[in-house]
Amino acid sequence: MEPVSAALLLALATGAAGAAGGQSWQSLVTLVRRWRGHAGPETAASGELEPVPAQAELTALEGEPANEHRARLLSAALAARAGMDAGFAAALDAWHQEAQQAVASTGAGNVSTHISGGNQGTVVTTRDVAGGLHFGTPASPPPPPGQSDGPGTSGD
């Protein structure tokens, strides 16, 4: 299983991944807090449930959703818990694939524009441009080799 990246956890926790990311975050919260495997962690003497591994790290990141250190700690805790429980590992892997698709479809780094008042002229909002952007009249092509570049030049 591929570890859950801190960058993905940050995108989900901060809301940068949009509504689909928010749903993925809530699914992770549910998975971490409610997954008990076959028997569930219990203390031998009291029969009370022990804290679920990774729950403290999840709660800490919820409290500070832009904290990269907390995201890395949660990533490590999820990996450790998956290593202890094959059922949790399978559920986490399925969640991870869905979360990656949610972030890819909304994409961190979305662009938005808010314009108010006055005349702004031409406004362009874009994202993920390959090959450049060109506005206005194209420049004149250079003269063919051997022709004059202008007055006073021989072109040789």
N, C-alpha and C. Protein backbone atom coordinates (compact mmCIF):
# COMPACT_ATOMS: atom_id res chain seq x y z
N MET A 1 0.84 -1.18 0.00
CA MET A 1 0.00 0.00 0.00
C MET A 1 0.88 1.24 0.00
N GLU A 2 0.52 2.19 -0.83
CA GLU A 2 1.22 3.48 -0.90
C GLU A 2 0.83 4.33 0.30
N PRO A 3 1.80 4.94 0.99
CA PRO A 3 1.45 5.78 2.14
C PRO A 3 0.62 6.98 1.71
N VAL A 4 -0.24 7.44 2.60
CA VAL A 4 -1.04 8.64 2.34
C VAL A 4 -0.11 9.83 2.53
N SER A 5 0.01 10.66 1.50
CA SER A 5 0.95 11.78 1.57
C SER A 5 0.43 12.89 2.47
N ALA A 6 1.38 13.59 3.08
CA ALA A 6 1.03 14.75 3.90
C ALA A 6 0.37 15.82 3.03
N ALA A 7 0.80 15.95 1.79
CA ALA A 7 0.21 16.95 0.89
C ALA A 7 -1.26 16.66 0.64
N LEU A 8 -1.61 15.40 0.45
CA LEU A 8 -3.01 15.03 0.26
C LEU A 8 -3.81 15.34 1.53
N LEU A 9 -3.27 14.97 2.67
CA LEU A 9 -3.97 15.23 3.93
C LEU A 9 -4.17 16.73 4.15
N LEU A 10 -3.17 17.53 3.81
CA LEU A 10 -3.31 18.99 3.94
C LEU A 10 -4.38 19.53 3.01
N ALA A 11 -4.39 19.06 1.76
CA ALA A 11 -5.39 19.53 0.80
C ALA A 11 -6.80 19.21 1.29
N LEU A 12 -6.97 18.03 1.88
CA LEU A 12 -8.29 17.64 2.38
C LEU A 12 -8.65 18.40 3.65
N ALA A 13 -7.69 18.52 4.58
CA ALA A 13 -7.97 19.15 5.87
C ALA A 13 -8.24 20.64 5.73
N THR A 14 -7.56 21.31 4.81
CA THR A 14 -7.72 22.76 4.67
C THR A 14 -8.90 23.14 3.79
N GLY A 15 -9.48 22.17 3.08
CA GLY A 15 -10.58 22.48 2.19
C GLY A 15 -10.12 22.89 0.81
N ALA A 16 -8.80 22.82 0.54
CA ALA A 16 -8.28 23.23 -0.76
C ALA A 16 -8.75 22.32 -1.89
N ALA A 17 -9.25 21.15 -1.56
CA ALA A 17 -9.70 20.20 -2.58
C ALA A 17 -11.19 20.32 -2.86
N GLY A 18 -11.84 21.36 -2.38
CA GLY A 18 -13.24 21.59 -2.69
C GLY A 18 -14.19 20.64 -1.97
N ALA A 19 -15.42 20.59 -2.48
CA ALA A 19 -16.47 19.79 -1.84
C ALA A 19 -16.13 18.30 -1.85
N ALA A 20 -15.61 17.81 -2.97
CA ALA A 20 -15.25 16.39 -3.04
C ALA A 20 -14.16 16.08 -2.03
N GLY A 21 -13.22 16.99 -1.85
CA GLY A 21 -12.18 16.80 -0.85
C GLY A 21 -12.74 16.81 0.56
N GLY A 22 -13.73 17.66 0.80
CA GLY A 22 -14.38 17.70 2.11
C GLY A 22 -15.07 16.39 2.43
N GLN A 23 -15.70 15.80 1.42
CA GLN A 23 -16.34 14.50 1.61
C GLN A 23 -15.30 13.42 1.89
N SER A 24 -14.18 13.50 1.19
CA SER A 24 -13.09 12.53 1.42
C SER A 24 -12.54 12.67 2.84
N TRP A 25 -12.40 13.92 3.29
CA TRP A 25 -11.91 14.14 4.65
C TRP A 25 -12.87 13.52 5.66
N GLN A 26 -14.17 13.75 5.50
CA GLN A 26 -15.14 13.18 6.42
C GLN A 26 -15.12 11.66 6.39
N SER A 27 -14.89 11.08 5.22
CA SER A 27 -14.77 9.62 5.11
C SER A 27 -13.57 9.12 5.89
N LEU A 28 -12.46 9.86 5.84
CA LEU A 28 -11.27 9.47 6.61
C LEU A 28 -11.55 9.56 8.10
N VAL A 29 -12.19 10.65 8.51
CA VAL A 29 -12.54 10.82 9.92
C VAL A 29 -13.37 9.62 10.39
N THR A 30 -14.37 9.25 9.62
CA THR A 30 -15.22 8.11 9.97
C THR A 30 -14.42 6.82 10.02
N LEU A 31 -13.58 6.60 9.02
CA LEU A 31 -12.76 5.40 8.97
C LEU A 31 -11.86 5.28 10.19
N VAL A 32 -11.16 6.34 10.53
CA VAL A 32 -10.23 6.30 11.65
C VAL A 32 -10.95 6.12 12.97
N ARG A 33 -12.05 6.83 13.15
CA ARG A 33 -12.72 6.81 14.46
C ARG A 33 -13.59 5.59 14.68
N ARG A 34 -14.09 4.99 13.61
CA ARG A 34 -15.06 3.91 13.81
C ARG A 34 -14.52 2.53 13.49
N TRP A 35 -13.42 2.43 12.79
CA TRP A 35 -12.91 1.11 12.42
C TRP A 35 -12.40 0.40 13.67
N ARG A 36 -12.92 -0.76 13.90
CA ARG A 36 -12.50 -1.53 15.07
C ARG A 36 -11.96 -2.90 14.71
N GLY A 37 -11.89 -3.22 13.44
CA GLY A 37 -11.40 -4.54 13.05
C GLY A 37 -12.33 -5.62 13.56
N HIS A 38 -11.79 -6.79 13.82
CA HIS A 38 -12.62 -7.91 14.28
C HIS A 38 -13.00 -7.77 15.75
N ALA A 39 -12.02 -7.59 16.61
CA ALA A 39 -12.32 -7.53 18.03
C ALA A 39 -12.28 -6.12 18.57
N GLY A 40 -11.48 -5.28 17.99
CA GLY A 40 -11.35 -3.91 18.47
C GLY A 40 -10.37 -3.82 19.61
N PRO A 41 -9.70 -2.68 19.73
CA PRO A 41 -8.76 -2.51 20.84
C PRO A 41 -9.50 -2.30 22.15
N GLU A 42 -9.24 -3.13 23.11
CA GLU A 42 -9.86 -2.98 24.43
C GLU A 42 -8.79 -3.18 25.49
N THR A 43 -8.97 -2.51 26.61
CA THR A 43 -8.06 -2.76 27.72
C THR A 43 -8.47 -4.05 28.38
N ALA A 44 -7.50 -4.81 28.83
CA ALA A 44 -7.78 -6.12 29.41
C ALA A 44 -8.56 -6.01 30.72
N ALA A 45 -8.21 -5.06 31.57
CA ALA A 45 -8.82 -4.98 32.89
C ALA A 45 -10.22 -4.37 32.86
N SER A 46 -10.40 -3.25 32.20
CA SER A 46 -11.65 -2.53 32.32
C SER A 46 -12.65 -2.83 31.20
N GLY A 47 -12.17 -3.33 30.08
CA GLY A 47 -13.05 -3.58 28.96
C GLY A 47 -13.41 -2.33 28.19
N GLU A 48 -12.84 -1.17 28.59
CA GLU A 48 -13.10 0.08 27.89
C GLU A 48 -12.27 0.14 26.62
N LEU A 49 -12.78 0.86 25.65
CA LEU A 49 -12.05 1.01 24.40
C LEU A 49 -10.82 1.90 24.61
N GLU A 50 -9.71 1.45 24.05
CA GLU A 50 -8.50 2.27 24.06
C GLU A 50 -8.62 3.31 22.96
N PRO A 51 -7.84 4.37 23.05
CA PRO A 51 -7.83 5.33 21.93
C PRO A 51 -7.44 4.61 20.64
N VAL A 52 -8.11 4.92 19.59
CA VAL A 52 -7.84 4.28 18.30
C VAL A 52 -6.55 4.85 17.73
N PRO A 53 -5.62 3.98 17.28
CA PRO A 53 -4.39 4.50 16.68
C PRO A 53 -4.72 5.44 15.52
N ALA A 54 -4.02 6.55 15.47
CA ALA A 54 -4.15 7.61 14.45
C ALA A 54 -5.25 8.60 14.79
N GLN A 55 -6.08 8.32 15.79
CA GLN A 55 -7.15 9.25 16.12
C GLN A 55 -6.61 10.55 16.71
N ALA A 56 -5.61 10.46 17.56
CA ALA A 56 -5.05 11.68 18.16
C ALA A 56 -4.42 12.57 17.09
N GLU A 57 -3.73 11.95 16.13
CA GLU A 57 -3.10 12.71 15.06
C GLU A 57 -4.14 13.35 14.14
N LEU A 58 -5.23 12.62 13.90
CA LEU A 58 -6.32 13.15 13.08
C LEU A 58 -6.96 14.36 13.77
N THR A 59 -7.23 14.23 15.06
CA THR A 59 -7.82 15.32 15.83
C THR A 59 -6.90 16.54 15.85
N ALA A 60 -5.60 16.29 15.99
CA ALA A 60 -4.63 17.39 16.00
C ALA A 60 -4.62 18.13 14.66
N LEU A 61 -4.68 17.38 13.55
CA LEU A 61 -4.70 18.03 12.24
C LEU A 61 -6.01 18.76 12.01
N GLU A 62 -7.11 18.22 12.53
CA GLU A 62 -8.39 18.95 12.43
C GLU A 62 -8.29 20.30 13.14
N GLY A 63 -7.57 20.35 14.26
CA GLY A 63 -7.41 21.58 15.01
C GLY A 63 -6.49 22.59 14.34
N GLU A 64 -5.52 22.08 13.58
CA GLU A 64 -4.57 22.94 12.86
C GLU A 64 -4.44 22.40 11.44
N PRO A 65 -5.46 22.62 10.59
CA PRO A 65 -5.50 21.97 9.28
C PRO A 65 -4.40 22.36 8.30
N ALA A 66 -3.69 23.45 8.55
CA ALA A 66 -2.62 23.85 7.64
C ALA A 66 -1.24 23.47 8.17
N ASN A 67 -1.19 22.71 9.25
CA ASN A 67 0.08 22.35 9.89
C ASN A 67 0.67 21.12 9.21
N GLU A 68 1.74 21.34 8.43
CA GLU A 68 2.35 20.25 7.67
C GLU A 68 2.95 19.18 8.58
N HIS A 69 3.50 19.58 9.72
CA HIS A 69 4.07 18.61 10.66
C HIS A 69 2.97 17.66 11.16
N ARG A 70 1.82 18.21 11.49
CA ARG A 70 0.71 17.36 11.96
C ARG A 70 0.23 16.43 10.85
N ALA A 71 0.24 16.90 9.61
CA ALA A 71 -0.15 16.05 8.47
C ALA A 71 0.83 14.89 8.31
N ARG A 72 2.14 15.17 8.48
CA ARG A 72 3.13 14.09 8.39
C ARG A 72 2.95 13.08 9.51
N LEU A 73 2.64 13.56 10.72
CA LEU A 73 2.40 12.65 11.84
C LEU A 73 1.18 11.77 11.58
N LEU A 74 0.13 12.34 11.02
CA LEU A 74 -1.06 11.56 10.70
C LEU A 74 -0.74 10.52 9.63
N SER A 75 0.02 10.91 8.63
CA SER A 75 0.42 9.98 7.57
C SER A 75 1.15 8.78 8.17
N ALA A 76 2.10 9.05 9.07
CA ALA A 76 2.87 7.98 9.71
C ALA A 76 1.97 7.11 10.58
N ALA A 77 1.04 7.72 11.31
CA ALA A 77 0.14 6.96 12.17
C ALA A 77 -0.80 6.07 11.35
N LEU A 78 -1.28 6.58 10.22
CA LEU A 78 -2.13 5.76 9.35
C LEU A 78 -1.36 4.56 8.81
N ALA A 79 -0.10 4.78 8.42
CA ALA A 79 0.73 3.68 7.92
C ALA A 79 0.98 2.65 9.01
N ALA A 80 1.24 3.11 10.23
CA ALA A 80 1.49 2.18 11.34
C ALA A 80 0.24 1.37 11.65
N ARG A 81 -0.90 2.03 11.66
CA ARG A 81 -2.15 1.32 11.95
C ARG A 81 -2.47 0.31 10.85
N ALA A 82 -2.23 0.70 9.60
CA ALA A 82 -2.46 -0.23 8.48
C ALA A 82 -1.55 -1.44 8.60
N GLY A 83 -0.33 -1.23 9.11
CA GLY A 83 0.60 -2.35 9.30
C GLY A 83 0.16 -3.31 10.37
N MET A 84 -0.68 -2.86 11.31
CA MET A 84 -1.16 -3.71 12.40
C MET A 84 -2.48 -4.40 12.08
N ASP A 85 -3.23 -3.89 11.11
CA ASP A 85 -4.58 -4.38 10.86
C ASP A 85 -4.83 -4.45 9.35
N ALA A 86 -4.86 -5.66 8.81
CA ALA A 86 -5.02 -5.85 7.36
C ALA A 86 -6.37 -5.32 6.87
N GLY A 87 -7.40 -5.45 7.68
CA GLY A 87 -8.71 -4.94 7.29
C GLY A 87 -8.70 -3.43 7.18
N PHE A 88 -8.07 -2.77 8.16
CA PHE A 88 -7.95 -1.32 8.12
C PHE A 88 -7.11 -0.91 6.92
N ALA A 89 -6.04 -1.66 6.65
CA ALA A 89 -5.17 -1.36 5.50
C ALA A 89 -5.96 -1.39 4.20
N ALA A 90 -6.82 -2.40 4.04
CA ALA A 90 -7.63 -2.50 2.81
C ALA A 90 -8.62 -1.34 2.72
N ALA A 91 -9.26 -1.01 3.83
CA ALA A 91 -10.23 0.10 3.84
C ALA A 91 -9.51 1.43 3.59
N LEU A 92 -8.33 1.61 4.18
CA LEU A 92 -7.56 2.83 3.98
C LEU A 92 -7.10 2.94 2.53
N ASP A 93 -6.68 1.84 1.94
CA ASP A 93 -6.23 1.86 0.55
C ASP A 93 -7.38 2.26 -0.38
N ALA A 94 -8.56 1.72 -0.14
CA ALA A 94 -9.73 2.08 -0.97
C ALA A 94 -10.05 3.56 -0.79
N TRP A 95 -10.02 4.03 0.46
CA TRP A 95 -10.26 5.45 0.72
C TRP A 95 -9.21 6.30 0.00
N HIS A 96 -7.95 5.90 0.10
CA HIS A 96 -6.84 6.65 -0.47
C HIS A 96 -7.01 6.83 -1.98
N GLN A 97 -7.40 5.78 -2.67
CA GLN A 97 -7.61 5.87 -4.11
C GLN A 97 -8.74 6.86 -4.44
N GLU A 98 -9.82 6.79 -3.70
CA GLU A 98 -10.94 7.72 -3.92
C GLU A 98 -10.53 9.16 -3.61
N ALA A 99 -9.77 9.35 -2.54
CA ALA A 99 -9.34 10.70 -2.16
C ALA A 99 -8.41 11.29 -3.21
N GLN A 100 -7.51 10.48 -3.75
CA GLN A 100 -6.60 10.98 -4.79
C GLN A 100 -7.39 11.41 -6.02
N GLN A 101 -8.42 10.65 -6.37
CA GLN A 101 -9.26 11.02 -7.52
C GLN A 101 -10.03 12.31 -7.23
N ALA A 102 -10.51 12.46 -6.01
CA ALA A 102 -11.25 13.68 -5.65
C ALA A 102 -10.36 14.90 -5.75
N VAL A 103 -9.13 14.79 -5.28
CA VAL A 103 -8.21 15.92 -5.33
C VAL A 103 -7.80 16.18 -6.77
N ALA A 104 -7.57 15.12 -7.55
CA ALA A 104 -7.18 15.31 -8.95
C ALA A 104 -8.29 15.97 -9.75
N SER A 105 -9.54 15.63 -9.44
CA SER A 105 -10.66 16.20 -10.21
C SER A 105 -10.91 17.66 -9.86
N THR A 106 -10.62 18.04 -8.61
CA THR A 106 -10.79 19.44 -8.24
C THR A 106 -9.47 20.17 -8.33
N GLY A 107 -8.41 19.46 -8.05
CA GLY A 107 -7.07 19.99 -8.16
C GLY A 107 -6.75 21.07 -7.15
N ALA A 108 -5.72 20.82 -6.36
CA ALA A 108 -5.23 21.88 -5.50
C ALA A 108 -4.67 22.97 -6.41
N GLY A 109 -4.83 24.19 -6.05
CA GLY A 109 -4.35 25.27 -6.87
C GLY A 109 -5.40 25.77 -7.84
N ASN A 110 -6.67 25.52 -7.54
CA ASN A 110 -7.72 26.05 -8.41
C ASN A 110 -7.60 27.56 -8.50
N VAL A 111 -8.11 28.12 -9.57
CA VAL A 111 -8.03 29.54 -9.81
C VAL A 111 -9.42 30.14 -9.70
N SER A 112 -9.52 31.27 -9.04
CA SER A 112 -10.79 31.99 -9.01
C SER A 112 -10.48 33.48 -9.15
N THR A 113 -11.44 34.21 -9.65
CA THR A 113 -11.25 35.64 -9.87
C THR A 113 -12.46 36.37 -9.34
N HIS A 114 -12.22 37.46 -8.65
CA HIS A 114 -13.29 38.33 -8.19
C HIS A 114 -12.96 39.73 -8.68
N ILE A 115 -13.83 40.31 -9.48
CA ILE A 115 -13.62 41.64 -10.03
C ILE A 115 -14.81 42.50 -9.63
N SER A 116 -14.53 43.69 -9.14
CA SER A 116 -15.64 44.56 -8.80
C SER A 116 -15.28 46.00 -9.13
N GLY A 117 -16.28 46.73 -9.55
CA GLY A 117 -16.15 48.16 -9.79
C GLY A 117 -15.22 48.55 -10.92
N GLY A 118 -15.59 49.58 -11.62
CA GLY A 118 -14.73 50.15 -12.64
C GLY A 118 -14.58 49.30 -13.88
N ASN A 119 -13.70 49.77 -14.76
CA ASN A 119 -13.44 49.08 -16.02
C ASN A 119 -12.04 48.49 -15.96
N GLN A 120 -11.96 47.17 -15.94
CA GLN A 120 -10.68 46.51 -15.84
C GLN A 120 -10.04 46.21 -17.19
N GLY A 121 -10.77 46.37 -18.26
CA GLY A 121 -10.23 45.99 -19.57
C GLY A 121 -10.23 44.48 -19.70
N THR A 122 -9.22 43.95 -20.33
CA THR A 122 -9.14 42.51 -20.55
C THR A 122 -8.71 41.81 -19.26
N VAL A 123 -9.44 40.78 -18.87
CA VAL A 123 -9.11 39.99 -17.70
C VAL A 123 -9.06 38.53 -18.13
N VAL A 124 -8.01 37.86 -17.75
CA VAL A 124 -7.86 36.45 -18.09
C VAL A 124 -7.60 35.67 -16.81
N THR A 125 -8.34 34.60 -16.61
CA THR A 125 -8.12 33.70 -15.50
C THR A 125 -7.85 32.33 -16.10
N THR A 126 -6.76 31.73 -15.71
CA THR A 126 -6.41 30.44 -16.30
C THR A 126 -5.66 29.58 -15.30
N ARG A 127 -5.50 28.35 -15.66
CA ARG A 127 -4.75 27.39 -14.86
C ARG A 127 -4.20 26.33 -15.80
N ASP A 128 -3.06 25.76 -15.47
CA ASP A 128 -2.47 24.65 -16.21
C ASP A 128 -2.32 24.96 -17.70
N VAL A 129 -1.55 25.98 -18.01
CA VAL A 129 -1.32 26.34 -19.40
C VAL A 129 -0.04 25.66 -19.88
N ALA A 130 -0.13 25.02 -21.01
CA ALA A 130 1.05 24.43 -21.64
C ALA A 130 1.22 25.08 -23.00
N GLY A 131 2.39 25.60 -23.29
CA GLY A 131 2.63 26.18 -24.61
C GLY A 131 2.54 27.69 -24.65
N GLY A 132 2.22 28.34 -23.56
CA GLY A 132 2.21 29.80 -23.52
C GLY A 132 0.89 30.42 -23.92
N LEU A 133 0.79 31.69 -23.63
CA LEU A 133 -0.38 32.48 -24.00
C LEU A 133 0.09 33.68 -24.82
N HIS A 134 -0.69 34.06 -25.81
CA HIS A 134 -0.35 35.19 -26.66
C HIS A 134 -1.57 36.08 -26.82
N PHE A 135 -1.41 37.39 -26.59
CA PHE A 135 -2.50 38.33 -26.70
C PHE A 135 -2.12 39.43 -27.68
N GLY A 136 -3.09 39.98 -28.38
CA GLY A 136 -2.84 41.10 -29.27
C GLY A 136 -2.43 40.64 -30.66
N THR A 137 -1.90 41.59 -31.42
CA THR A 137 -1.49 41.32 -32.79
C THR A 137 -0.16 40.58 -32.79
N PRO A 138 -0.05 39.54 -33.59
CA PRO A 138 1.23 38.83 -33.62
C PRO A 138 2.33 39.74 -34.17
N ALA A 139 3.52 39.54 -33.70
CA ALA A 139 4.67 40.31 -34.19
C ALA A 139 4.89 39.99 -35.66
N SER A 140 5.47 40.97 -36.40
CA SER A 140 5.79 40.74 -37.81
C SER A 140 6.84 39.65 -37.91
N PRO A 141 6.68 38.76 -38.87
CA PRO A 141 7.69 37.70 -39.01
C PRO A 141 9.01 38.31 -39.45
N PRO A 142 10.12 37.69 -39.09
CA PRO A 142 11.42 38.23 -39.52
C PRO A 142 11.56 38.10 -41.04
N PRO A 143 12.35 39.00 -41.63
CA PRO A 143 12.53 38.91 -43.09
C PRO A 143 13.29 37.64 -43.46
N PRO A 144 13.05 37.12 -44.65
CA PRO A 144 13.79 35.94 -45.09
C PRO A 144 15.28 36.23 -45.15
N PRO A 145 16.12 35.20 -45.00
CA PRO A 145 17.57 35.41 -45.06
C PRO A 145 17.97 36.08 -46.38
N GLY A 146 18.88 37.04 -46.30
CA GLY A 146 19.38 37.72 -47.49
C GLY A 146 18.61 38.96 -47.85
N GLN A 147 17.49 39.22 -47.24
CA GLN A 147 16.72 40.44 -47.53
C GLN A 147 17.08 41.50 -46.51
N SER A 148 16.80 42.72 -46.88
CA SER A 148 17.11 43.85 -46.02
C SER A 148 16.25 43.84 -44.77
N ASP A 149 16.91 44.10 -43.64
CA ASP A 149 16.19 44.19 -42.37
C ASP A 149 15.60 45.57 -42.18
N GLY A 150 15.90 46.50 -43.02
CA GLY A 150 15.39 47.85 -42.88
C GLY A 150 16.33 48.82 -43.55
N PRO A 151 16.01 50.12 -43.45
CA PRO A 151 16.87 51.14 -44.10
C PRO A 151 18.28 51.10 -43.57
N GLY A 152 19.25 51.23 -44.48
CA GLY A 152 20.63 51.31 -44.12
C GLY A 152 21.31 49.99 -43.82
N THR A 153 20.61 48.87 -44.02
CA THR A 153 21.25 47.57 -43.79
C THR A 153 21.38 46.87 -45.13
N SER A 154 22.39 46.09 -45.25
CA SER A 154 22.62 45.40 -46.51
C SER A 154 22.05 44.01 -46.52
N GLY A 155 21.76 43.46 -45.35
CA GLY A 155 21.21 42.11 -45.28
C GLY A 155 22.23 41.04 -45.54
N ASP A 156 23.52 41.39 -45.76
CA ASP A 156 24.54 40.40 -46.01
C ASP A 156 25.13 39.87 -44.76
